Each structure stands twice: as structure tokens, then as C-alpha cells.
C-alpha atoms as a PDB file:
ATOM      1  CA  MET A   1     138.616  16.241 188.444  1.00  0.00           C
ATOM      2  CA  ALA A   2     135.633  14.795 190.277  1.00  0.00           C
ATOM      3  CA  SER A   3     135.429  11.732 187.998  1.00  0.00           C
ATOM      4  CA  ASN A   4     137.414  10.168 185.192  1.00  0.00           C
ATOM      5  CA  GLU A   5     135.214  11.241 182.270  1.00  0.00           C
ATOM      6  CA  LEU A   6     138.078  13.511 181.144  1.00  0.00           C
ATOM      7  CA  LEU A   7     141.616  12.392 181.914  1.00  0.00           C
ATOM      8  CA  VAL A   8     144.256  15.116 182.117  1.00  0.00           C
ATOM      9  CA  ARG A   9     148.020  14.702 182.150  1.00  0.00           C
ATOM     10  CA  ARG A  10     150.988  16.963 181.518  1.00  0.00           C
ATOM     11  CA  GLU A  11     154.254  16.592 179.644  1.00  0.00           C
ATOM     12  CA  ALA A  12     156.448  19.646 180.186  1.00  0.00           C
ATOM     13  CA  GLY A  13     154.361  22.517 178.787  1.00  0.00           C
ATOM     14  CA  ILE A  14     151.889  20.214 177.039  1.00  0.00           C
ATOM     15  CA  VAL A  15     148.473  19.475 178.543  1.00  0.00           C
ATOM     16  CA  ILE A  16     146.818  16.307 177.188  1.00  0.00           C
ATOM     17  CA  ALA A  17     143.069  15.914 177.778  1.00  0.00           C
ATOM     18  CA  THR A  18     141.513  12.542 176.923  1.00  0.00           C
ATOM     19  CA  LEU A  19     137.788  11.985 176.490  1.00  0.00           C
ATOM     20  CA  ASN A  20     137.461   8.846 178.585  1.00  0.00           C
ATOM     21  CA  ARG A  21     134.235   7.094 177.628  1.00  0.00           C
ATOM     22  CA  PRO A  22     135.505   4.419 175.194  1.00  0.00           C
ATOM     23  CA  GLU A  23     132.545   2.143 175.914  1.00  0.00           C
ATOM     24  CA  LYS A  24     130.297   4.965 174.633  1.00  0.00           C
ATOM     25  CA  MET A  25     132.583   5.849 171.695  1.00  0.00           C
ATOM     26  CA  ASN A  26     133.610   8.880 173.802  1.00  0.00           C
ATOM     27  CA  ALA A  27     130.170  10.432 173.416  1.00  0.00           C
ATOM     28  CA  LEU A  28     129.799  13.834 175.051  1.00  0.00           C
ATOM     29  CA  ASN A  29     127.657  14.135 178.167  1.00  0.00           C
ATOM     30  CA  LYS A  30     127.144  16.733 180.882  1.00  0.00           C
ATOM     31  CA  GLU A  31     130.094  15.542 182.962  1.00  0.00           C
ATOM     32  CA  VAL A  32     132.536  15.696 180.047  1.00  0.00           C
ATOM     33  CA  PHE A  33     131.445  19.208 179.133  1.00  0.00           C
ATOM     34  CA  GLU A  34     131.686  20.443 182.729  1.00  0.00           C
ATOM     35  CA  GLN A  35     135.152  18.952 183.172  1.00  0.00           C
ATOM     36  CA  LEU A  36     136.339  20.368 179.852  1.00  0.00           C
ATOM     37  CA  LYS A  37     135.096  23.822 180.837  1.00  0.00           C
ATOM     38  CA  ASN A  38     136.883  23.574 184.183  1.00  0.00           C
ATOM     39  CA  LEU A  39     140.105  22.521 182.467  1.00  0.00           C
ATOM     40  CA  LEU A  40     139.976  25.418 180.005  1.00  0.00           C
ATOM     41  CA  THR A  41     139.347  27.858 182.859  1.00  0.00           C
ATOM     42  CA  LEU A  42     142.434  26.518 184.672  1.00  0.00           C
ATOM     43  CA  ILE A  43     144.592  26.729 181.546  1.00  0.00           C
ATOM     44  CA  GLU A  44     143.604  30.370 180.991  1.00  0.00           C
ATOM     45  CA  THR A  45     145.509  31.356 184.151  1.00  0.00           C
ATOM     46  CA  ASP A  46     148.287  28.734 183.990  1.00  0.00           C
ATOM     47  CA  SER A  47     151.455  30.236 182.547  1.00  0.00           C
ATOM     48  CA  THR A  48     153.136  26.796 182.427  1.00  0.00           C
ATOM     49  CA  ALA A  49     150.561  25.446 179.939  1.00  0.00           C
ATOM     50  CA  ARG A  50     151.870  26.101 176.421  1.00  0.00           C
ATOM     51  CA  VAL A  51     149.914  23.662 174.230  1.00  0.00           C
ATOM     52  CA  LEU A  52     146.654  21.735 174.697  1.00  0.00           C
ATOM     53  CA  ILE A  53     146.052  18.382 172.979  1.00  0.00           C
ATOM     54  CA  ILE A  54     142.568  16.836 173.006  1.00  0.00           C
ATOM     55  CA  THR A  55     142.141  13.166 172.124  1.00  0.00           C
ATOM     56  CA  GLY A  56     139.859  10.212 172.819  1.00  0.00           C
ATOM     57  CA  ALA A  57     140.371   6.993 174.747  1.00  0.00           C
ATOM     58  CA  GLY A  58     140.851   3.804 172.754  1.00  0.00           C
ATOM     59  CA  ASP A  59     141.595   3.431 169.060  1.00  0.00           C
ATOM     60  CA  LYS A  60     138.088   3.295 167.574  1.00  0.00           C
ATOM     61  CA  SER A  61     136.586   6.694 168.223  1.00  0.00           C
ATOM     62  CA  PHE A  62     137.722  10.225 168.900  1.00  0.00           C
ATOM     63  CA  CYS A  63     134.139  11.216 169.641  1.00  0.00           C
ATOM     64  CA  VAL A  64     130.780  10.416 168.039  1.00  0.00           C
ATOM     65  CA  GLY A  65     129.070  13.534 169.362  1.00  0.00           C
ATOM     66  CA  ALA A  66     126.332  13.944 171.938  1.00  0.00           C
ATOM     67  CA  ASP A  67     125.288  11.074 174.177  1.00  0.00           C
ATOM     68  CA  LEU A  68     121.901  10.402 172.596  1.00  0.00           C
ATOM     69  CA  LYS A  69     120.690   8.293 175.536  1.00  0.00           C
ATOM     70  CA  GLU A  70     121.245  11.275 177.803  1.00  0.00           C
ATOM     71  CA  ARG A  71     119.601  13.516 175.210  1.00  0.00           C
ATOM     72  CA  GLN A  72     116.444  11.347 175.273  1.00  0.00           C
ATOM     73  CA  GLY A  73     115.794  12.413 178.857  1.00  0.00           C
ATOM     74  CA  MET A  74     116.036  16.114 178.026  1.00  0.00           C
ATOM     75  CA  ASN A  75     113.156  18.351 176.969  1.00  0.00           C
ATOM     76  CA  GLU A  76     113.425  21.198 174.452  1.00  0.00           C
ATOM     77  CA  LYS A  77     114.346  23.762 177.123  1.00  0.00           C
ATOM     78  CA  ASP A  78     117.044  21.475 178.533  1.00  0.00           C
ATOM     79  CA  ILE A  79     118.540  21.024 175.080  1.00  0.00           C
ATOM     80  CA  LEU A  80     118.668  24.767 174.392  1.00  0.00           C
ATOM     81  CA  VAL A  81     120.354  25.371 177.755  1.00  0.00           C
ATOM     82  CA  ARG A  82     122.889  22.648 176.971  1.00  0.00           C
ATOM     83  CA  MET A  83     123.557  24.062 173.490  1.00  0.00           C
ATOM     84  CA  ASP A  84     124.244  27.496 174.924  1.00  0.00           C
ATOM     85  CA  PHE A  85     126.568  25.941 177.511  1.00  0.00           C
ATOM     86  CA  VAL A  86     128.482  23.983 174.856  1.00  0.00           C
ATOM     87  CA  LYS A  87     128.710  27.012 172.561  1.00  0.00           C
ATOM     88  CA  GLY A  88     130.501  28.852 175.353  1.00  0.00           C
ATOM     89  CA  ILE A  89     132.904  25.961 175.919  1.00  0.00           C
ATOM     90  CA  TYR A  90     133.815  25.621 172.240  1.00  0.00           C
ATOM     91  CA  LEU A  91     134.324  29.379 171.983  1.00  0.00           C
ATOM     92  CA  LYS A  92     136.537  29.270 175.061  1.00  0.00           C
ATOM     93  CA  LEU A  93     138.551  26.473 173.422  1.00  0.00           C
ATOM     94  CA  GLU A  94     138.770  28.330 170.117  1.00  0.00           C
ATOM     95  CA  ARG A  95     139.858  31.561 171.828  1.00  0.00           C
ATOM     96  CA  LEU A  96     142.322  29.962 174.221  1.00  0.00           C
ATOM     97  CA  LYS A  97     145.581  31.912 174.127  1.00  0.00           C
ATOM     98  CA  ILE A  98     147.710  28.818 173.631  1.00  0.00           C
ATOM     99  CA  PRO A  99     147.626  26.580 170.522  1.00  0.00           C
ATOM    100  CA  THR A 100     145.273  23.600 170.593  1.00  0.00           C
ATOM    101  CA  ILE A 101     145.589  20.303 168.737  1.00  0.00           C
ATOM    102  CA  ALA A 102     142.933  17.656 168.146  1.00  0.00           C
ATOM    103  CA  ALA A 103     144.605  14.238 168.069  1.00  0.00           C
ATOM    104  CA  ILE A 104     141.699  12.526 166.309  1.00  0.00           C
ATOM    105  CA  ASN A 105     142.393   8.907 167.196  1.00  0.00           C
ATOM    106  CA  GLY A 106     139.288   7.480 165.505  1.00  0.00           C
ATOM    107  CA  THR A 107     135.808   8.218 164.189  1.00  0.00           C
ATOM    108  CA  ALA A 108     134.778  11.874 164.543  1.00  0.00           C
ATOM    109  CA  LEU A 109     131.085  12.544 164.040  1.00  0.00           C
ATOM    110  CA  GLY A 110     128.624  15.300 164.938  1.00  0.00           C
ATOM    111  CA  GLY A 111     129.613  17.149 168.087  1.00  0.00           C
ATOM    112  CA  GLY A 112     132.899  15.253 168.135  1.00  0.00           C
ATOM    113  CA  LEU A 113     133.912  16.716 164.788  1.00  0.00           C
ATOM    114  CA  GLU A 114     132.656  20.105 165.989  1.00  0.00           C
ATOM    115  CA  LEU A 115     134.986  19.803 168.989  1.00  0.00           C
ATOM    116  CA  ALA A 116     137.912  19.091 166.666  1.00  0.00           C
ATOM    117  CA  LEU A 117     136.952  22.032 164.437  1.00  0.00           C
ATOM    118  CA  ALA A 118     137.264  24.362 167.449  1.00  0.00           C
ATOM    119  CA  CYS A 119     140.951  23.384 167.772  1.00  0.00           C
ATOM    120  CA  ASP A 120     143.756  25.082 165.855  1.00  0.00           C
ATOM    121  CA  LEU A 121     145.388  21.968 164.375  1.00  0.00           C
ATOM    122  CA  ARG A 122     144.079  18.475 163.658  1.00  0.00           C
ATOM    123  CA  VAL A 123     145.858  15.133 163.216  1.00  0.00           C
ATOM    124  CA  ALA A 124     143.958  12.024 162.113  1.00  0.00           C
ATOM    125  CA  PRO A 125     144.698   8.347 161.426  1.00  0.00           C
ATOM    126  CA  GLU A 126     144.428   6.788 157.996  1.00  0.00           C
ATOM    127  CA  LYS A 127     140.985   5.704 156.760  1.00  0.00           C
ATOM    128  CA  THR A 128     139.108   7.270 159.659  1.00  0.00           C
ATOM    129  CA  VAL A 129     135.477   8.348 159.202  1.00  0.00           C
ATOM    130  CA  PHE A 130     134.355  11.941 159.614  1.00  0.00           C
ATOM    131  CA  GLY A 131     130.930  13.502 159.265  1.00  0.00           C
ATOM    132  CA  LEU A 132     128.223  15.875 160.411  1.00  0.00           C
ATOM    133  CA  PRO A 133     125.190  13.598 159.919  1.00  0.00           C
ATOM    134  CA  GLU A 134     122.697  15.573 161.994  1.00  0.00           C
ATOM    135  CA  VAL A 135     120.165  16.187 159.202  1.00  0.00           C
ATOM    136  CA  ASP A 136     119.590  12.430 159.073  1.00  0.00           C
ATOM    137  CA  LEU A 137     118.224  12.821 162.627  1.00  0.00           C
ATOM    138  CA  ALA A 138     116.053  15.780 161.562  1.00  0.00           C
ATOM    139  CA  ILE A 139     118.332  18.291 163.325  1.00  0.00           C
ATOM    140  CA  ILE A 140     121.373  20.358 162.318  1.00  0.00           C
ATOM    141  CA  PRO A 141     124.942  20.654 163.579  1.00  0.00           C
ATOM    142  CA  GLY A 142     124.261  23.048 166.451  1.00  0.00           C
ATOM    143  CA  ASN A 143     127.599  23.419 168.198  1.00  0.00           C
ATOM    144  CA  GLY A 144     129.365  25.518 165.591  1.00  0.00           C
ATOM    145  CA  GLY A 145     129.560  22.917 162.839  1.00  0.00           C
ATOM    146  CA  THR A 146     127.721  24.893 160.166  1.00  0.00           C
ATOM    147  CA  GLN A 147     129.878  27.967 160.801  1.00  0.00           C
ATOM    148  CA  ARG A 148     133.332  26.535 161.488  1.00  0.00           C
ATOM    149  CA  LEU A 149     133.215  23.992 158.682  1.00  0.00           C
ATOM    150  CA  SER A 150     132.156  26.536 156.057  1.00  0.00           C
ATOM    151  CA  ARG A 151     134.876  28.952 157.162  1.00  0.00           C
ATOM    152  CA  LEU A 152     137.476  26.210 157.097  1.00  0.00           C
ATOM    153  CA  ILE A 153     136.739  24.432 153.807  1.00  0.00           C
ATOM    154  CA  GLY A 154     134.468  26.843 151.936  1.00  0.00           C
ATOM    155  CA  LEU A 155     130.734  27.331 151.535  1.00  0.00           C
ATOM    156  CA  ALA A 156     130.040  24.953 148.639  1.00  0.00           C
ATOM    157  CA  LYS A 157     131.756  21.916 150.139  1.00  0.00           C
ATOM    158  CA  ALA A 158     130.321  22.568 153.612  1.00  0.00           C
ATOM    159  CA  LEU A 159     126.827  22.673 152.111  1.00  0.00           C
ATOM    160  CA  GLU A 160     127.469  19.375 150.360  1.00  0.00           C
ATOM    161  CA  LEU A 161     128.824  17.573 153.405  1.00  0.00           C
ATOM    162  CA  ILE A 162     126.152  18.839 155.809  1.00  0.00           C
ATOM    163  CA  LEU A 163     123.044  18.793 153.620  1.00  0.00           C
ATOM    164  CA  LEU A 164     123.829  15.334 152.244  1.00  0.00           C
ATOM    165  CA  ALA A 165     125.006  14.079 155.671  1.00  0.00           C
ATOM    166  CA  LYS A 166     128.093  12.725 153.960  1.00  0.00           C
ATOM    167  CA  ARG A 167     130.578  10.491 155.715  1.00  0.00           C
ATOM    168  CA  PHE A 168     134.113  11.057 154.451  1.00  0.00           C
ATOM    169  CA  THR A 169     137.564   9.696 155.171  1.00  0.00           C
ATOM    170  CA  SER A 170     140.585  11.311 156.761  1.00  0.00           C
ATOM    171  CA  GLU A 171     142.265  11.312 153.348  1.00  0.00           C
ATOM    172  CA  GLU A 172     139.363  13.355 151.967  1.00  0.00           C
ATOM    173  CA  ALA A 173     139.542  15.579 155.033  1.00  0.00           C
ATOM    174  CA  LEU A 174     143.225  16.216 154.305  1.00  0.00           C
ATOM    175  CA  ALA A 175     142.432  17.174 150.703  1.00  0.00           C
ATOM    176  CA  LEU A 176     139.825  19.619 152.031  1.00  0.00           C
ATOM    177  CA  ASN A 177     142.356  21.137 154.495  1.00  0.00           C
ATOM    178  CA  LEU A 178     140.102  20.007 157.323  1.00  0.00           C
ATOM    179  CA  VAL A 179     142.998  18.145 158.954  1.00  0.00           C
ATOM    180  CA  ASN A 180     146.687  19.032 158.916  1.00  0.00           C
ATOM    181  CA  ALA A 181     148.156  15.535 158.856  1.00  0.00           C
ATOM    182  CA  VAL A 182     147.068  11.930 158.271  1.00  0.00           C
ATOM    183  CA  VAL A 183     149.268   9.242 159.790  1.00  0.00           C
ATOM    184  CA  PRO A 184     149.078   5.531 160.714  1.00  0.00           C
ATOM    185  CA  GLN A 185     146.741   4.803 163.637  1.00  0.00           C
ATOM    186  CA  ASN A 186     149.546   4.256 166.136  1.00  0.00           C
ATOM    187  CA  GLN A 187     151.272   7.507 165.181  1.00  0.00           C
ATOM    188  CA  VAL A 188     148.472  10.011 165.837  1.00  0.00           C
ATOM    189  CA  MET A 189     149.575  11.079 169.311  1.00  0.00           C
ATOM    190  CA  ASN A 190     153.237  11.036 168.272  1.00  0.00           C
ATOM    191  CA  ARG A 191     152.504  13.470 165.438  1.00  0.00           C
ATOM    192  CA  ALA A 192     150.438  15.678 167.751  1.00  0.00           C
ATOM    193  CA  ILE A 193     153.346  15.706 170.215  1.00  0.00           C
ATOM    194  CA  GLN A 194     155.720  16.586 167.352  1.00  0.00           C
ATOM    195  CA  PHE A 195     153.524  19.566 166.493  1.00  0.00           C
ATOM    196  CA  ALA A 196     153.403  20.536 170.172  1.00  0.00           C
ATOM    197  CA  ASN A 197     157.180  20.294 170.615  1.00  0.00           C
ATOM    198  CA  LYS A 198     157.717  22.504 167.564  1.00  0.00           C
ATOM    199  CA  LEU A 199     155.368  25.067 169.114  1.00  0.00           C
ATOM    200  CA  LEU A 200     157.306  24.877 172.387  1.00  0.00           C
ATOM    201  CA  GLU A 201     160.515  25.801 170.555  1.00  0.00           C
ATOM    202  CA  SER A 202     159.096  29.166 169.509  1.00  0.00           C
ATOM    203  CA  GLY A 203     158.611  32.242 171.672  1.00  0.00           C
ATOM    204  CA  PRO A 204     155.348  31.826 173.604  1.00  0.00           C
ATOM    205  CA  ILE A 205     154.392  35.477 173.136  1.00  0.00           C
ATOM    206  CA  GLY A 206     154.954  35.201 169.389  1.00  0.00           C
ATOM    207  CA  ILE A 207     152.847  32.040 169.173  1.00  0.00           C
ATOM    208  CA  ARG A 208     150.088  33.594 171.252  1.00  0.00           C
ATOM    209  CA  GLN A 209     149.985  36.798 169.232  1.00  0.00           C
ATOM    210  CA  ALA A 210     150.176  34.983 165.893  1.00  0.00           C
ATOM    211  CA  LYS A 211     147.137  32.910 166.845  1.00  0.00           C
ATOM    212  CA  LEU A 212     145.320  36.025 168.036  1.00  0.00           C
ATOM    213  CA  ALA A 213     146.151  37.912 164.818  1.00  0.00           C
ATOM    214  CA  ILE A 214     144.962  35.057 162.583  1.00  0.00           C
ATOM    215  CA  ARG A 215     141.749  34.249 164.416  1.00  0.00           C
ATOM    216  CA  GLY A 216     140.915  37.839 165.349  1.00  0.00           C
ATOM    217  CA  GLY A 217     141.756  39.184 161.913  1.00  0.00           C
ATOM    218  CA  TYR A 218     139.572  36.590 160.214  1.00  0.00           C
ATOM    219  CA  GLU A 219     136.548  38.122 161.930  1.00  0.00           C
ATOM    220  CA  ARG A 220     137.336  41.629 160.634  1.00  0.00           C
ATOM    221  CA  SER A 221     137.310  43.397 157.287  1.00  0.00           C
ATOM    222  CA  TYR A 222     140.619  43.212 155.410  1.00  0.00           C
ATOM    223  CA  GLU A 223     141.903  46.694 156.285  1.00  0.00           C
ATOM    224  CA  HIS A 224     140.776  46.407 159.899  1.00  0.00           C
ATOM    225  CA  ALA A 225     142.465  43.014 160.066  1.00  0.00           C
ATOM    226  CA  LEU A 226     145.752  44.558 158.927  1.00  0.00           C
ATOM    227  CA  ASP A 227     145.441  47.171 161.682  1.00  0.00           C
ATOM    228  CA  PHE A 228     144.674  44.404 164.178  1.00  0.00           C
ATOM    229  CA  GLU A 229     147.789  42.529 163.041  1.00  0.00           C
ATOM    230  CA  VAL A 230     149.915  45.579 163.883  1.00  0.00           C
ATOM    231  CA  GLU A 231     148.335  45.754 167.345  1.00  0.00           C
ATOM    232  CA  CYS A 232     149.171  42.102 167.892  1.00  0.00           C
ATOM    233  CA  TYR A 233     152.726  42.724 166.701  1.00  0.00           C
ATOM    234  CA  LYS A 234     153.247  45.407 169.317  1.00  0.00           C
ATOM    235  CA  SER A 235     153.130  42.829 172.109  1.00  0.00           C
ATOM    236  CA  VAL A 236     156.003  41.018 170.402  1.00  0.00           C
ATOM    237  CA  LEU A 237     157.908  44.194 169.578  1.00  0.00           C
ATOM    238  CA  TYR A 238     158.346  45.207 173.204  1.00  0.00           C
ATOM    239  CA  SER A 239     159.162  41.713 174.483  1.00  0.00           C
ATOM    240  CA  LYS A 240     162.482  40.391 175.784  1.00  0.00           C
ATOM    241  CA  ASP A 241     161.901  37.270 173.699  1.00  0.00           C
ATOM    242  CA  ARG A 242     162.198  39.280 170.474  1.00  0.00           C
ATOM    243  CA  ILE A 243     165.616  40.572 171.527  1.00  0.00           C
ATOM    244  CA  GLU A 244     166.672  37.077 172.567  1.00  0.00           C
ATOM    245  CA  GLY A 245     165.507  35.617 169.240  1.00  0.00           C
ATOM    246  CA  ILE A 246     167.603  38.076 167.208  1.00  0.00           C
ATOM    247  CA  LYS A 247     170.623  37.639 169.488  1.00  0.00           C
ATOM    248  CA  ALA A 248     170.423  33.835 169.275  1.00  0.00           C
ATOM    249  CA  PHE A 249     170.141  33.994 165.483  1.00  0.00           C
ATOM    250  CA  ILE A 250     173.270  36.156 165.212  1.00  0.00           C
ATOM    251  CA  GLU A 251     175.161  33.950 167.673  1.00  0.00           C
ATOM    252  CA  LYS A 252     173.977  30.808 165.860  1.00  0.00           C
ATOM    253  CA  ARG A 253     172.539  29.158 168.965  1.00  0.00           C
ATOM    254  CA  LYS A 254     169.175  27.953 170.169  1.00  0.00           C
ATOM    255  CA  PRO A 255     167.149  30.802 171.745  1.00  0.00           C
ATOM    256  CA  ALA A 256     166.138  30.641 175.408  1.00  0.00           C
ATOM    257  CA  TYR A 257     162.664  32.147 175.401  1.00  0.00           C
ATOM    258  CA  ARG A 258     161.053  33.035 178.727  1.00  0.00           C
ATOM    259  CA  GLY A 259     157.700  34.374 177.623  1.00  0.00           C
ATOM    260  CA  GLU A 260     158.650  37.885 178.650  1.00  0.00           C
END
């Protein structure tokens, strides 16, 4: 990476990307978005990458959304161009073949929460604050927040949280199924790694196709989604991993999946 706005490290098949602007509460600026897009593009063609974890530097904030000081220097056209750019990045993240986990290490507001919503799984620390407070600034969540939140937790609750600009805790987020786990502050990355290691134990083709079937089917009518599920299953059916999984089960041993 050209700068250290986004730190990237690897642990076996796990890629960990850290938003590295703790002095700005990990606010999102042009450099972060460009580096995130570049990372996602690399992962798309990297067969060794099996899971992506996104987190923030420090222990106060995962991400508080857009860098408003940067935004002040942008005109209306600039903002629309940026929104279109970010929409593409979040879609790329959402549609990434491998599973993605948001290790929400602190406050997640606005575009930061929208980034987490584009991931497949979310882990948060106890008593952390969440929110999409954009209407208080006379704008709306414009990077997928209105759509992803309503699909995740339901229309009525999404309307309440967004229209009233409500701040809510990680415990409330867990009750809403917005996050998958709430743990002590110092255990967030450990739990995310636990999730990632469990994913690494399964056949990579099966994981990839299961994600594709769930996300792709959700966008279709029920009957079309069932047909799409069968199409996704075919990639597993003709794989060597499927044969290995059955053989390992019969032989009562751990399977050795190769992603083939």
C-alpha cells in the first residue's frame, strides 16, 4: 500500500485489514477507500485468501463514518462521485467470494456501520455505540445503510433507528440480529479469529457456494431462489472436496480439503 491508512496482514488464509486513523476515530477518507478497493481487487484473484476480517485501530472506534473535514472541501458533484465510488466498493465487499467479518472494536456510526453491514458476520464489544445518525445532519445514510439495515433487521425497526437517528448499544444490536456476537473489549479480534478458523475448517468451495446461494437467493423470488440454490450446489457436487468430506466422515478423520 502507498500509505498506512489501511494496514493489511495475513495469518494463514486469513486477511486482516485495519482502518488505521485512530486519531480521527478511523473516519473514512479518499485514501482509505482507494486502498480498500485495491485490497478487495487483489483478494478476488488470490486463491490463498480464505477469510477477510475488517477492524479499526485502537480500542475506541471501529469507524465513525466519513471524514467530515474532508467532506467540507467537496462540492455537490464531488460528493455524488464519491458516493458512487463507495457504493461500488461496498458492493465488491458484499459480493466477495470469501466470507467477511467485521471485528467492530469500538463505536460504529454512519458510514462505519454501513461498512460493517456490508460484511457477512459482525463481532462487537460490550456496551459499544452504534447508529446511523445522518438525518441529524440533514442527510441520509447514502452508502447502503437504508437498504442493508432494513433487509437485515426488518423495515419497522430500520425506520425507527434511521428516522429517529437513534444511538443503540451492541447488546441491542445483538437482540436485533445486527451483530452475531458481543464479547469483552479485549476479545473482539479473538472471537473474529475463532469464526475465521471455523470457516477455514470447511471446504472452501462449499463455503463460497453457500454464501453465493444465500446472498444471491435473497435477491430473487422464492422459487427462483430455490433454482439458484441448485445451481450453486452443482459446483459442490462435482468437486473433489465433496468426495473427500464423505470419505473423511466414514473414516472418522479430519478432512483435507484442497478447494478442488
